[in-house]
Amino acid sequence: KDVPKTLVFRLAKYRNTFSEGEVIPERVITRPPSAELAPDQKDEDSLPGYDVLDQILNLYVERDFSADAIVAEGFERVDVERVIRLVDINEYKRRQAPIGVRITERGFGKDRRYPITNGWKSGK
């Protein structure tokens, strides 16, 4: 639930080093990620690359940085605001999901709660 995509890719490559053949096919690891909601859709068509996305998510979710603080770290404001908005408006999905293994210090779930029943939005 809270494993960043860049770590998923590294773990998959690492796992493949422990066997003679590929356990996880290379094409799965290198295929452009997609939610597969539309033909030929790729995640990077609407999101920053995972190297940037994972850093923004870490700063926002794990370290409680504000949008301004994340931008001050060198990220594009448009990317930061989009990622934060998507994290916040999708809180209800995380509440509906079953409990999962937590990898990071502060995974989604009891460690982080965001209002879902009103129109509250974080300030800038």
PDB file of N, CA and C in Angstrom:
ATOM      1  N   LYS A   1       0.808  -1.204   0.000  1.00  0.00           N
ATOM      2  CA  LYS A   1       0.000   0.000   0.000  1.00  0.00           C
ATOM      3  C   LYS A   1       0.845   1.259   0.000  1.00  0.00           C
ATOM      4  N   ASP A   2       1.971   1.226   0.665  1.00  0.00           N
ATOM      5  CA  ASP A   2       2.750   2.458   0.772  1.00  0.00           C
ATOM      6  C   ASP A   2       4.170   2.296   0.237  1.00  0.00           C
ATOM      7  N   VAL A   3       4.352   1.392  -0.695  1.00  0.00           N
ATOM      8  CA  VAL A   3       5.679   1.192  -1.283  1.00  0.00           C
ATOM      9  C   VAL A   3       5.782   2.066  -2.536  1.00  0.00           C
ATOM     10  N   PRO A   4       6.712   3.009  -2.559  1.00  0.00           N
ATOM     11  CA  PRO A   4       6.855   3.869  -3.740  1.00  0.00           C
ATOM     12  C   PRO A   4       7.218   3.051  -4.985  1.00  0.00           C
ATOM     13  N   LYS A   5       6.751   3.517  -6.132  1.00  0.00           N
ATOM     14  CA  LYS A   5       6.989   2.787  -7.386  1.00  0.00           C
ATOM     15  C   LYS A   5       8.474   2.582  -7.658  1.00  0.00           C
ATOM     16  N   THR A   6       9.280   3.584  -7.371  1.00  0.00           N
ATOM     17  CA  THR A   6      10.712   3.425  -7.636  1.00  0.00           C
ATOM     18  C   THR A   6      11.288   2.290  -6.798  1.00  0.00           C
ATOM     19  N   LEU A   7      10.794   2.107  -5.587  1.00  0.00           N
ATOM     20  CA  LEU A   7      11.246   0.994  -4.744  1.00  0.00           C
ATOM     21  C   LEU A   7      10.704  -0.331  -5.269  1.00  0.00           C
ATOM     22  N   VAL A   8       9.479  -0.342  -5.765  1.00  0.00           N
ATOM     23  CA  VAL A   8       8.914  -1.561  -6.360  1.00  0.00           C
ATOM     24  C   VAL A   8       9.805  -2.040  -7.506  1.00  0.00           C
ATOM     25  N   PHE A   9      10.210  -1.118  -8.367  1.00  0.00           N
ATOM     26  CA  PHE A   9      11.063  -1.492  -9.495  1.00  0.00           C
ATOM     27  C   PHE A   9      12.412  -2.015  -9.009  1.00  0.00           C
ATOM     28  N   ARG A  10      12.996  -1.356  -8.025  1.00  0.00           N
ATOM     29  CA  ARG A  10      14.294  -1.807  -7.492  1.00  0.00           C
ATOM     30  C   ARG A  10      14.161  -3.180  -6.842  1.00  0.00           C
ATOM     31  N   LEU A  11      13.075  -3.400  -6.099  1.00  0.00           N
ATOM     32  CA  LEU A  11      12.864  -4.703  -5.455  1.00  0.00           C
ATOM     33  C   LEU A  11      12.680  -5.806  -6.492  1.00  0.00           C
ATOM     34  N   ALA A  12      11.960  -5.501  -7.568  1.00  0.00           N
ATOM     35  CA  ALA A  12      11.750  -6.496  -8.628  1.00  0.00           C
ATOM     36  C   ALA A  12      13.079  -6.886  -9.274  1.00  0.00           C
ATOM     37  N   LYS A  13      13.904  -5.897  -9.571  1.00  0.00           N
ATOM     38  CA  LYS A  13      15.220  -6.190 -10.157  1.00  0.00           C
ATOM     39  C   LYS A  13      16.085  -6.972  -9.170  1.00  0.00           C
ATOM     40  N   TYR A  14      16.037  -6.582  -7.922  1.00  0.00           N
ATOM     41  CA  TYR A  14      16.802  -7.267  -6.872  1.00  0.00           C
ATOM     42  C   TYR A  14      16.355  -8.722  -6.754  1.00  0.00           C
ATOM     43  N   ARG A  15      15.053  -8.964  -6.782  1.00  0.00           N
ATOM     44  CA  ARG A  15      14.520 -10.329  -6.672  1.00  0.00           C
ATOM     45  C   ARG A  15      15.036 -11.201  -7.805  1.00  0.00           C
ATOM     46  N   ASN A  16      15.142 -10.644  -8.977  1.00  0.00           N
ATOM     47  CA  ASN A  16      15.607 -11.412 -10.135  1.00  0.00           C
ATOM     48  C   ASN A  16      17.069 -11.816 -10.036  1.00  0.00           C
ATOM     49  N   THR A  17      17.827 -11.220  -9.139  1.00  0.00           N
ATOM     50  CA  THR A  17      19.239 -11.595  -8.990  1.00  0.00           C
ATOM     51  C   THR A  17      19.410 -12.898  -8.223  1.00  0.00           C
ATOM     52  N   PHE A  18      18.344 -13.430  -7.634  1.00  0.00           N
ATOM     53  CA  PHE A  18      18.438 -14.631  -6.806  1.00  0.00           C
ATOM     54  C   PHE A  18      17.992 -15.906  -7.500  1.00  0.00           C
ATOM     55  N   SER A  19      17.874 -15.886  -8.806  1.00  0.00           N
ATOM     56  CA  SER A  19      17.481 -17.102  -9.517  1.00  0.00           C
ATOM     57  C   SER A  19      18.155 -17.128 -10.885  1.00  0.00           C
ATOM     58  N   GLU A  20      18.167 -18.316 -11.476  1.00  0.00           N
ATOM     59  CA  GLU A  20      18.809 -18.462 -12.782  1.00  0.00           C
ATOM     60  C   GLU A  20      18.013 -17.759 -13.875  1.00  0.00           C
ATOM     61  N   GLY A  21      16.711 -17.839 -13.802  1.00  0.00           N
ATOM     62  CA  GLY A  21      15.862 -17.165 -14.779  1.00  0.00           C
ATOM     63  C   GLY A  21      15.154 -15.989 -14.132  1.00  0.00           C
ATOM     64  N   GLU A  22      14.471 -15.237 -14.953  1.00  0.00           N
ATOM     65  CA  GLU A  22      13.719 -14.104 -14.424  1.00  0.00           C
ATOM     66  C   GLU A  22      12.465 -14.595 -13.707  1.00  0.00           C
ATOM     67  N   VAL A  23      12.309 -14.223 -12.470  1.00  0.00           N
ATOM     68  CA  VAL A  23      11.074 -14.501 -11.737  1.00  0.00           C
ATOM     69  C   VAL A  23      10.039 -13.452 -12.136  1.00  0.00           C
ATOM     70  N   ILE A  24      10.489 -12.225 -12.212  1.00  0.00           N
ATOM     71  CA  ILE A  24       9.650 -11.120 -12.671  1.00  0.00           C
ATOM     72  C   ILE A  24      10.191 -10.713 -14.039  1.00  0.00           C
ATOM     73  N   PRO A  25       9.411 -10.932 -15.095  1.00  0.00           N
ATOM     74  CA  PRO A  25       9.911 -10.637 -16.441  1.00  0.00           C
ATOM     75  C   PRO A  25      10.363  -9.181 -16.582  1.00  0.00           C
ATOM     76  N   GLU A  26      11.462  -8.985 -17.273  1.00  0.00           N
ATOM     77  CA  GLU A  26      12.006  -7.635 -17.481  1.00  0.00           C
ATOM     78  C   GLU A  26      10.979  -6.718 -18.135  1.00  0.00           C
ATOM     79  N   ARG A  27      10.157  -7.266 -19.029  1.00  0.00           N
ATOM     80  CA  ARG A  27       9.152  -6.438 -19.702  1.00  0.00           C
ATOM     81  C   ARG A  27       8.136  -5.872 -18.705  1.00  0.00           C
ATOM     82  N   VAL A  28       7.901  -6.586 -17.608  1.00  0.00           N
ATOM     83  CA  VAL A  28       6.994  -6.085 -16.569  1.00  0.00           C
ATOM     84  C   VAL A  28       7.650  -4.928 -15.817  1.00  0.00           C
ATOM     85  N   ILE A  29       8.938  -5.051 -15.581  1.00  0.00           N
ATOM     86  CA  ILE A  29       9.672  -4.023 -14.834  1.00  0.00           C
ATOM     87  C   ILE A  29       9.858  -2.762 -15.675  1.00  0.00           C
ATOM     88  N   THR A  30      10.105  -2.915 -16.962  1.00  0.00           N
ATOM     89  CA  THR A  30      10.425  -1.760 -17.810  1.00  0.00           C
ATOM     90  C   THR A  30       9.224  -1.195 -18.565  1.00  0.00           C
ATOM     91  N   ARG A  31       8.096  -1.877 -18.534  1.00  0.00           N
ATOM     92  CA  ARG A  31       6.896  -1.379 -19.218  1.00  0.00           C
ATOM     93  C   ARG A  31       6.456  -0.067 -18.577  1.00  0.00           C
ATOM     94  N   PRO A  32       6.088   0.930 -19.381  1.00  0.00           N
ATOM     95  CA  PRO A  32       5.616   2.184 -18.796  1.00  0.00           C
ATOM     96  C   PRO A  32       4.374   1.937 -17.931  1.00  0.00           C
ATOM     97  N   PRO A  33       4.377   2.405 -16.692  1.00  0.00           N
ATOM     98  CA  PRO A  33       3.243   2.181 -15.794  1.00  0.00           C
ATOM     99  C   PRO A  33       1.964   2.828 -16.317  1.00  0.00           C
ATOM    100  N   SER A  34       0.841   2.155 -16.069  1.00  0.00           N
ATOM    101  CA  SER A  34      -0.450   2.668 -16.518  1.00  0.00           C
ATOM    102  C   SER A  34      -1.556   2.186 -15.599  1.00  0.00           C
ATOM    103  N   ALA A  35      -2.526   3.061 -15.376  1.00  0.00           N
ATOM    104  CA  ALA A  35      -3.730   2.659 -14.647  1.00  0.00           C
ATOM    105  C   ALA A  35      -4.646   1.856 -15.562  1.00  0.00           C
ATOM    106  N   GLU A  36      -4.349   1.873 -16.861  1.00  0.00           N
ATOM    107  CA  GLU A  36      -5.088   1.123 -17.875  1.00  0.00           C
ATOM    108  C   GLU A  36      -6.569   1.479 -17.886  1.00  0.00           C
ATOM    109  N   LEU A  37      -6.853   2.769 -17.713  1.00  0.00           N
ATOM    110  CA  LEU A  37      -8.234   3.232 -17.760  1.00  0.00           C
ATOM    111  C   LEU A  37      -8.647   3.649 -19.170  1.00  0.00           C
ATOM    112  N   ALA A  38      -7.661   3.831 -20.033  1.00  0.00           N
ATOM    113  CA  ALA A  38      -7.915   4.201 -21.426  1.00  0.00           C
ATOM    114  C   ALA A  38      -6.843   3.553 -22.297  1.00  0.00           C
ATOM    115  N   PRO A  39      -7.145   3.310 -23.578  1.00  0.00           N
ATOM    116  CA  PRO A  39      -6.142   2.713 -24.463  1.00  0.00           C
ATOM    117  C   PRO A  39      -4.887   3.586 -24.549  1.00  0.00           C
ATOM    118  N   ASP A  40      -3.747   2.943 -24.510  1.00  0.00           N
ATOM    119  CA  ASP A  40      -2.448   3.617 -24.628  1.00  0.00           C
ATOM    120  C   ASP A  40      -2.186   4.670 -23.554  1.00  0.00           C
ATOM    121  N   GLN A  41      -2.929   4.632 -22.470  1.00  0.00           N
ATOM    122  CA  GLN A  41      -2.708   5.579 -21.371  1.00  0.00           C
ATOM    123  C   GLN A  41      -1.444   5.197 -20.609  1.00  0.00           C
ATOM    124  N   LYS A  42      -0.673   6.198 -20.248  1.00  0.00           N
ATOM    125  CA  LYS A  42       0.506   5.981 -19.413  1.00  0.00           C
ATOM    126  C   LYS A  42       0.422   6.935 -18.232  1.00  0.00           C
ATOM    127  N   ASP A  43       0.858   6.488 -17.066  1.00  0.00           N
ATOM    128  CA  ASP A  43       0.784   7.324 -15.868  1.00  0.00           C
ATOM    129  C   ASP A  43       1.499   8.654 -16.055  1.00  0.00           C
ATOM    130  N   GLU A  44       2.627   8.633 -16.760  1.00  0.00           N
ATOM    131  CA  GLU A  44       3.410   9.855 -16.922  1.00  0.00           C
ATOM    132  C   GLU A  44       2.761  10.852 -17.880  1.00  0.00           C
ATOM    133  N   ASP A  45       1.626  10.476 -18.504  1.00  0.00           N
ATOM    134  CA  ASP A  45       0.881  11.444 -19.312  1.00  0.00           C
ATOM    135  C   ASP A  45       0.201  12.476 -18.417  1.00  0.00           C
ATOM    136  N   SER A  46      -0.111  12.095 -17.185  1.00  0.00           N
ATOM    137  CA  SER A  46      -0.836  13.000 -16.290  1.00  0.00           C
ATOM    138  C   SER A  46      -0.134  13.232 -14.952  1.00  0.00           C
ATOM    139  N   LEU A  47       0.957  12.551 -14.722  1.00  0.00           N
ATOM    140  CA  LEU A  47       1.706  12.685 -13.468  1.00  0.00           C
ATOM    141  C   LEU A  47       3.173  12.933 -13.784  1.00  0.00           C
ATOM    142  N   PRO A  48       3.901  13.502 -12.823  1.00  0.00           N
ATOM    143  CA  PRO A  48       5.352  13.585 -13.044  1.00  0.00           C
ATOM    144  C   PRO A  48       5.949  12.181 -13.061  1.00  0.00           C
ATOM    145  N   GLY A  49       7.166  12.052 -13.552  1.00  0.00           N
ATOM    146  CA  GLY A  49       7.843  10.757 -13.539  1.00  0.00           C
ATOM    147  C   GLY A  49       7.934  10.217 -12.121  1.00  0.00           C
ATOM    148  N   TYR A  50       8.030   8.905 -11.992  1.00  0.00           N
ATOM    149  CA  TYR A  50       8.018   8.304 -10.655  1.00  0.00           C
ATOM    150  C   TYR A  50       9.183   8.740  -9.784  1.00  0.00           C
ATOM    151  N   ASP A  51      10.318   9.070 -10.382  1.00  0.00           N
ATOM    152  CA  ASP A  51      11.427   9.552  -9.561  1.00  0.00           C
ATOM    153  C   ASP A  51      11.052  10.857  -8.868  1.00  0.00           C
ATOM    154  N   VAL A  52      10.310  11.725  -9.555  1.00  0.00           N
ATOM    155  CA  VAL A  52       9.843  12.993  -8.970  1.00  0.00           C
ATOM    156  C   VAL A  52       8.621  12.752  -8.090  1.00  0.00           C
ATOM    157  N   LEU A  53       7.669  11.980  -8.589  1.00  0.00           N
ATOM    158  CA  LEU A  53       6.434  11.712  -7.853  1.00  0.00           C
ATOM    159  C   LEU A  53       6.719  11.114  -6.478  1.00  0.00           C
ATOM    160  N   ASP A  54       7.582  10.130  -6.424  1.00  0.00           N
ATOM    161  CA  ASP A  54       7.886   9.478  -5.146  1.00  0.00           C
ATOM    162  C   ASP A  54       8.528  10.440  -4.153  1.00  0.00           C
ATOM    163  N   GLN A  55       9.349  11.351  -4.645  1.00  0.00           N
ATOM    164  CA  GLN A  55       9.961  12.337  -3.745  1.00  0.00           C
ATOM    165  C   GLN A  55       8.917  13.308  -3.203  1.00  0.00           C
ATOM    166  N   ILE A  56       8.008  13.763  -4.065  1.00  0.00           N
ATOM    167  CA  ILE A  56       6.942  14.666  -3.618  1.00  0.00           C
ATOM    168  C   ILE A  56       6.064  13.960  -2.591  1.00  0.00           C
ATOM    169  N   LEU A  57       5.689  12.717  -2.874  1.00  0.00           N
ATOM    170  CA  LEU A  57       4.856  11.963  -1.934  1.00  0.00           C
ATOM    171  C   LEU A  57       5.556  11.776  -0.595  1.00  0.00           C
ATOM    172  N   ASN A  58       6.842  11.493  -0.632  1.00  0.00           N
ATOM    173  CA  ASN A  58       7.590  11.326   0.611  1.00  0.00           C
ATOM    174  C   ASN A  58       7.568  12.609   1.431  1.00  0.00           C
ATOM    175  N   LEU A  59       7.817  13.718   0.791  1.00  0.00           N
ATOM    176  CA  LEU A  59       7.835  14.990   1.513  1.00  0.00           C
ATOM    177  C   LEU A  59       6.458  15.337   2.066  1.00  0.00           C
ATOM    178  N   TYR A  60       5.405  15.076   1.301  1.00  0.00           N
ATOM    179  CA  TYR A  60       4.050  15.439   1.731  1.00  0.00           C
ATOM    180  C   TYR A  60       3.487  14.470   2.769  1.00  0.00           C
ATOM    181  N   VAL A  61       3.573  13.194   2.495  1.00  0.00           N
ATOM    182  CA  VAL A  61       2.944  12.194   3.366  1.00  0.00           C
ATOM    183  C   VAL A  61       3.824  11.827   4.554  1.00  0.00           C
ATOM    184  N   GLU A  62       5.067  11.526   4.295  1.00  0.00           N
ATOM    185  CA  GLU A  62       5.951  11.047   5.362  1.00  0.00           C
ATOM    186  C   GLU A  62       6.498  12.170   6.232  1.00  0.00           C
ATOM    187  N   ARG A  63       6.775  13.313   5.611  1.00  0.00           N
ATOM    188  CA  ARG A  63       7.469  14.372   6.352  1.00  0.00           C
ATOM    189  C   ARG A  63       6.605  15.597   6.625  1.00  0.00           C
ATOM    190  N   ASP A  64       5.324  15.560   6.211  1.00  0.00           N
ATOM    191  CA  ASP A  64       4.372  16.655   6.491  1.00  0.00           C
ATOM    192  C   ASP A  64       4.781  18.011   5.918  1.00  0.00           C
ATOM    193  N   PHE A  65       5.472  18.022   4.796  1.00  0.00           N
ATOM    194  CA  PHE A  65       5.838  19.290   4.177  1.00  0.00           C
ATOM    195  C   PHE A  65       4.597  19.914   3.542  1.00  0.00           C
ATOM    196  N   SER A  66       4.498  21.219   3.579  1.00  0.00           N
ATOM    197  CA  SER A  66       3.439  21.942   2.873  1.00  0.00           C
ATOM    198  C   SER A  66       3.812  22.035   1.393  1.00  0.00           C
ATOM    199  N   ALA A  67       2.851  22.469   0.579  1.00  0.00           N
ATOM    200  CA  ALA A  67       3.136  22.649  -0.848  1.00  0.00           C
ATOM    201  C   ALA A  67       4.281  23.636  -1.041  1.00  0.00           C
ATOM    202  N   ASP A  68       4.251  24.744  -0.307  1.00  0.00           N
ATOM    203  CA  ASP A  68       5.315  25.743  -0.443  1.00  0.00           C
ATOM    204  C   ASP A  68       6.675  25.171  -0.069  1.00  0.00           C
ATOM    205  N   ALA A  69       6.713  24.369   0.982  1.00  0.00           N
ATOM    206  CA  ALA A  69       7.984  23.774   1.413  1.00  0.00           C
ATOM    207  C   ALA A  69       8.508  22.786   0.371  1.00  0.00           C
ATOM    208  N   ILE A  70       7.615  22.053  -0.269  1.00  0.00           N
ATOM    209  CA  ILE A  70       8.035  21.098  -1.305  1.00  0.00           C
ATOM    210  C   ILE A  70       8.564  21.850  -2.526  1.00  0.00           C
ATOM    211  N   VAL A  71       7.868  22.911  -2.910  1.00  0.00           N
ATOM    212  CA  VAL A  71       8.338  23.736  -4.032  1.00  0.00           C
ATOM    213  C   VAL A  71       9.711  24.322  -3.705  1.00  0.00           C
ATOM    214  N   ALA A  72       9.901  24.730  -2.458  1.00  0.00           N
ATOM    215  CA  ALA A  72      11.196  25.286  -2.037  1.00  0.00           C
ATOM    216  C   ALA A  72      12.323  24.257  -2.151  1.00  0.00           C
ATOM    217  N   GLU A  73      11.965  22.974  -2.170  1.00  0.00           N
ATOM    218  CA  GLU A  73      12.961  21.908  -2.344  1.00  0.00           C
ATOM    219  C   GLU A  73      13.372  21.749  -3.809  1.00  0.00           C
ATOM    220  N   GLY A  74      12.700  22.496  -4.710  1.00  0.00           N
ATOM    221  CA  GLY A  74      13.099  22.474  -6.114  1.00  0.00           C
ATOM    222  C   GLY A  74      12.116  21.819  -7.068  1.00  0.00           C
ATOM    223  N   PHE A  75      10.929  21.488  -6.598  1.00  0.00           N
ATOM    224  CA  PHE A  75       9.936  20.840  -7.456  1.00  0.00           C
ATOM    225  C   PHE A  75       9.028  21.883  -8.096  1.00  0.00           C
ATOM    226  N   GLU A  76       8.486  21.545  -9.257  1.00  0.00           N
ATOM    227  CA  GLU A  76       7.578  22.444  -9.968  1.00  0.00           C
ATOM    228  C   GLU A  76       6.267  22.578  -9.199  1.00  0.00           C
ATOM    229  N   ARG A  77       5.806  23.814  -9.015  1.00  0.00           N
ATOM    230  CA  ARG A  77       4.570  24.049  -8.255  1.00  0.00           C
ATOM    231  C   ARG A  77       3.387  23.299  -8.861  1.00  0.00           C
ATOM    232  N   VAL A  78       3.271  23.302 -10.192  1.00  0.00           N
ATOM    233  CA  VAL A  78       2.137  22.635 -10.833  1.00  0.00           C
ATOM    234  C   VAL A  78       2.129  21.140 -10.499  1.00  0.00           C
ATOM    235  N   ASP A  79       3.296  20.509 -10.475  1.00  0.00           N
ATOM    236  CA  ASP A  79       3.383  19.087 -10.125  1.00  0.00           C
ATOM    237  C   ASP A  79       3.028  18.867  -8.658  1.00  0.00           C
ATOM    238  N   VAL A  80       3.572  19.707  -7.798  1.00  0.00           N
ATOM    239  CA  VAL A  80       3.332  19.572  -6.355  1.00  0.00           C
ATOM    240  C   VAL A  80       1.847  19.721  -6.049  1.00  0.00           C
ATOM    241  N   GLU A  81       1.221  20.747  -6.585  1.00  0.00           N
ATOM    242  CA  GLU A  81      -0.200  20.978  -6.298  1.00  0.00           C
ATOM    243  C   GLU A  81      -1.072  19.867  -6.857  1.00  0.00           C
ATOM    244  N   ARG A  82      -0.734  19.348  -8.021  1.00  0.00           N
ATOM    245  CA  ARG A  82      -1.525  18.244  -8.599  1.00  0.00           C
ATOM    246  C   ARG A  82      -1.398  16.985  -7.743  1.00  0.00           C
ATOM    247  N   VAL A  83      -0.188  16.643  -7.355  1.00  0.00           N
ATOM    248  CA  VAL A  83       0.023  15.439  -6.544  1.00  0.00           C
ATOM    249  C   VAL A  83      -0.697  15.572  -5.202  1.00  0.00           C
ATOM    250  N   ILE A  84      -0.557  16.703  -4.547  1.00  0.00           N
ATOM    251  CA  ILE A  84      -1.216  16.905  -3.252  1.00  0.00           C
ATOM    252  C   ILE A  84      -2.730  16.808  -3.405  1.00  0.00           C
ATOM    253  N   ARG A  85      -3.262  17.425  -4.451  1.00  0.00           N
ATOM    254  CA  ARG A  85      -4.710  17.362  -4.666  1.00  0.00           C
ATOM    255  C   ARG A  85      -5.163  15.918  -4.875  1.00  0.00           C
ATOM    256  N   LEU A  86      -4.428  15.167  -5.675  1.00  0.00           N
ATOM    257  CA  LEU A  86      -4.800  13.771  -5.922  1.00  0.00           C
ATOM    258  C   LEU A  86      -4.707  12.923  -4.652  1.00  0.00           C
ATOM    259  N   VAL A  87      -3.679  13.145  -3.857  1.00  0.00           N
ATOM    260  CA  VAL A  87      -3.555  12.412  -2.589  1.00  0.00           C
ATOM    261  C   VAL A  87      -4.760  12.710  -1.706  1.00  0.00           C
ATOM    262  N   ASP A  88      -5.087  13.981  -1.583  1.00  0.00           N
ATOM    263  CA  ASP A  88      -6.157  14.383  -0.671  1.00  0.00           C
ATOM    264  C   ASP A  88      -7.537  13.941  -1.138  1.00  0.00           C
ATOM    265  N   ILE A  89      -7.841  14.089  -2.434  1.00  0.00           N
ATOM    266  CA  ILE A  89      -9.192  13.734  -2.887  1.00  0.00           C
ATOM    267  C   ILE A  89      -9.405  12.226  -2.957  1.00  0.00           C
ATOM    268  N   ASN A  90      -8.336  11.454  -2.885  1.00  0.00           N
ATOM    269  CA  ASN A  90      -8.472   9.997  -2.927  1.00  0.00           C
ATOM    270  C   ASN A  90      -8.354   9.342  -1.559  1.00  0.00           C
ATOM    271  N   GLU A  91      -8.438  10.127  -0.512  1.00  0.00           N
ATOM    272  CA  GLU A  91      -8.377   9.595   0.852  1.00  0.00           C
ATOM    273  C   GLU A  91      -9.451   8.530   1.078  1.00  0.00           C
ATOM    274  N   TYR A  92     -10.651   8.752   0.548  1.00  0.00           N
ATOM    275  CA  TYR A  92     -11.743   7.802   0.767  1.00  0.00           C
ATOM    276  C   TYR A  92     -11.391   6.407   0.247  1.00  0.00           C
ATOM    277  N   LYS A  93     -10.618   6.320  -0.816  1.00  0.00           N
ATOM    278  CA  LYS A  93     -10.234   5.017  -1.359  1.00  0.00           C
ATOM    279  C   LYS A  93      -9.344   4.260  -0.377  1.00  0.00           C
ATOM    280  N   ARG A  94      -8.455   4.998   0.279  1.00  0.00           N
ATOM    281  CA  ARG A  94      -7.571   4.354   1.255  1.00  0.00           C
ATOM    282  C   ARG A  94      -8.359   3.862   2.460  1.00  0.00           C
ATOM    283  N   ARG A  95      -9.418   4.547   2.823  1.00  0.00           N
ATOM    284  CA  ARG A  95     -10.237   4.116   3.964  1.00  0.00           C
ATOM    285  C   ARG A  95     -11.036   2.859   3.630  1.00  0.00           C
ATOM    286  N   GLN A  96     -11.331   2.658   2.354  1.00  0.00           N
ATOM    287  CA  GLN A  96     -12.098   1.489   1.931  1.00  0.00           C
ATOM    288  C   GLN A  96     -11.218   0.269   1.715  1.00  0.00           C
ATOM    289  N   ALA A  97      -9.948   0.481   1.534  1.00  0.00           N
ATOM    290  CA  ALA A  97      -9.030  -0.616   1.226  1.00  0.00           C
ATOM    291  C   ALA A  97      -8.743  -1.445   2.475  1.00  0.00           C
ATOM    292  N   PRO A  98      -8.483  -2.730   2.297  1.00  0.00           N
ATOM    293  CA  PRO A  98      -8.135  -3.562   3.452  1.00  0.00           C
ATOM    294  C   PRO A  98      -6.779  -3.156   4.026  1.00  0.00           C
ATOM    295  N   ILE A  99      -6.577  -3.495   5.263  1.00  0.00           N
ATOM    296  CA  ILE A  99      -5.301  -3.220   5.911  1.00  0.00           C
ATOM    297  C   ILE A  99      -4.209  -3.969   5.161  1.00  0.00           C
ATOM    298  N   GLY A 100      -3.093  -3.324   4.974  1.00  0.00           N
ATOM    299  CA  GLY A 100      -1.985  -3.950   4.267  1.00  0.00           C
ATOM    300  C   GLY A 100      -0.695  -3.803   5.047  1.00  0.00           C
ATOM    301  N   VAL A 101       0.336  -4.399   4.521  1.00  0.00           N
ATOM    302  CA  VAL A 101       1.653  -4.306   5.136  1.00  0.00           C
ATOM    303  C   VAL A 101       2.140  -2.863   5.021  1.00  0.00           C
ATOM    304  N   ARG A 102       2.708  -2.369   6.083  1.00  0.00           N
ATOM    305  CA  ARG A 102       3.252  -1.014   6.070  1.00  0.00           C
ATOM    306  C   ARG A 102       4.759  -1.096   5.923  1.00  0.00           C
ATOM    307  N   ILE A 103       5.302  -0.362   4.973  1.00  0.00           N
ATOM    308  CA  ILE A 103       6.731  -0.371   4.700  1.00  0.00           C
ATOM    309  C   ILE A 103       7.389   0.914   5.191  1.00  0.00           C
ATOM    310  N   THR A 104       6.747   2.042   4.928  1.00  0.00           N
ATOM    311  CA  THR A 104       7.328   3.332   5.294  1.00  0.00           C
ATOM    312  C   THR A 104       7.030   3.668   6.748  1.00  0.00           C
ATOM    313  N   GLU A 105       7.698   4.692   7.260  1.00  0.00           N
ATOM    314  CA  GLU A 105       7.505   5.081   8.658  1.00  0.00           C
ATOM    315  C   GLU A 105       6.080   5.513   8.944  1.00  0.00           C
ATOM    316  N   ARG A 106       5.442   6.120   7.959  1.00  0.00           N
ATOM    317  CA  ARG A 106       4.118   6.680   8.190  1.00  0.00           C
ATOM    318  C   ARG A 106       3.230   6.361   7.001  1.00  0.00           C
ATOM    319  N   GLY A 107       2.743   5.157   6.954  1.00  0.00           N
ATOM    320  CA  GLY A 107       1.928   4.743   5.827  1.00  0.00           C
ATOM    321  C   GLY A 107       0.545   5.347   5.868  1.00  0.00           C
ATOM    322  N   PHE A 108      -0.153   5.231   4.746  1.00  0.00           N
ATOM    323  CA  PHE A 108      -1.544   5.651   4.727  1.00  0.00           C
ATOM    324  C   PHE A 108      -2.310   4.766   5.691  1.00  0.00           C
ATOM    325  N   GLY A 109      -3.320   5.289   6.303  1.00  0.00           N
ATOM    326  CA  GLY A 109      -4.108   4.531   7.269  1.00  0.00           C
ATOM    327  C   GLY A 109      -4.196   5.306   8.560  1.00  0.00           C
ATOM    328  N   LYS A 110      -4.023   4.624   9.694  1.00  0.00           N
ATOM    329  CA  LYS A 110      -4.149   5.292  10.990  1.00  0.00           C
ATOM    330  C   LYS A 110      -3.095   6.375  11.185  1.00  0.00           C
ATOM    331  N   ASP A 111      -1.962   6.241  10.517  1.00  0.00           N
ATOM    332  CA  ASP A 111      -0.880   7.213  10.694  1.00  0.00           C
ATOM    333  C   ASP A 111      -1.165   8.556  10.037  1.00  0.00           C
ATOM    334  N   ARG A 112      -2.037   8.554   9.052  1.00  0.00           N
ATOM    335  CA  ARG A 112      -2.328   9.799   8.340  1.00  0.00           C
ATOM    336  C   ARG A 112      -3.808   9.844   8.025  1.00  0.00           C
ATOM    337  N   ARG A 113      -4.470  10.844   8.539  1.00  0.00           N
ATOM    338  CA  ARG A 113      -5.898  11.016   8.267  1.00  0.00           C
ATOM    339  C   ARG A 113      -6.131  12.378   7.642  1.00  0.00           C
ATOM    340  N   TYR A 114      -7.019  12.410   6.672  1.00  0.00           N
ATOM    341  CA  TYR A 114      -7.369  13.631   5.968  1.00  0.00           C
ATOM    342  C   TYR A 114      -8.886  13.670   5.879  1.00  0.00           C
ATOM    343  N   PRO A 115      -9.522  14.820   6.142  1.00  0.00           N
ATOM    344  CA  PRO A 115     -10.990  14.880   6.108  1.00  0.00           C
ATOM    345  C   PRO A 115     -11.547  14.496   4.737  1.00  0.00           C
ATOM    346  N   ILE A 116     -12.622  13.699   4.737  1.00  0.00           N
ATOM    347  CA  ILE A 116     -13.209  13.297   3.452  1.00  0.00           C
ATOM    348  C   ILE A 116     -14.666  13.718   3.317  1.00  0.00           C
ATOM    349  N   THR A 117     -15.287  14.237   4.369  1.00  0.00           N
ATOM    350  CA  THR A 117     -16.718  14.498   4.312  1.00  0.00           C
ATOM    351  C   THR A 117     -17.083  15.957   4.106  1.00  0.00           C
ATOM    352  N   ASN A 118     -16.111  16.833   4.050  1.00  0.00           N
ATOM    353  CA  ASN A 118     -16.444  18.240   3.825  1.00  0.00           C
ATOM    354  C   ASN A 118     -15.566  18.802   2.717  1.00  0.00           C
ATOM    355  N   GLY A 119     -15.737  20.070   2.440  1.00  0.00           N
ATOM    356  CA  GLY A 119     -14.983  20.692   1.353  1.00  0.00           C
ATOM    357  C   GLY A 119     -13.666  21.293   1.793  1.00  0.00           C
ATOM    358  N   TRP A 120     -13.129  20.840   2.908  1.00  0.00           N
ATOM    359  CA  TRP A 120     -11.885  21.409   3.433  1.00  0.00           C
ATOM    360  C   TRP A 120     -10.742  21.196   2.465  1.00  0.00           C
ATOM    361  N   LYS A 121      -9.950  22.229   2.276  1.00  0.00           N
ATOM    362  CA  LYS A 121      -8.748  22.132   1.448  1.00  0.00           C
ATOM    363  C   LYS A 121      -7.614  22.789   2.206  1.00  0.00           C
ATOM    364  N   SER A 122      -6.435  22.250   2.075  1.00  0.00           N
ATOM    365  CA  SER A 122      -5.289  22.831   2.772  1.00  0.00           C
ATOM    366  C   SER A 122      -4.974  24.200   2.192  1.00  0.00           C
ATOM    367  N   GLY A 123      -4.470  25.080   3.045  1.00  0.00           N
ATOM    368  CA  GLY A 123      -4.089  26.417   2.602  1.00  0.00           C
ATOM    369  C   GLY A 123      -2.800  26.381   1.821  1.00  0.00           C
ATOM    370  N   LYS A 124      -2.534  27.446   1.166  1.00  0.00           N
ATOM    371  CA  LYS A 124      -1.300  27.517   0.372  1.00  0.00           C
ATOM    372  C   LYS A 124      -0.213  28.187   1.140  1.00  0.00           C
TER     373      LYS A 124
END
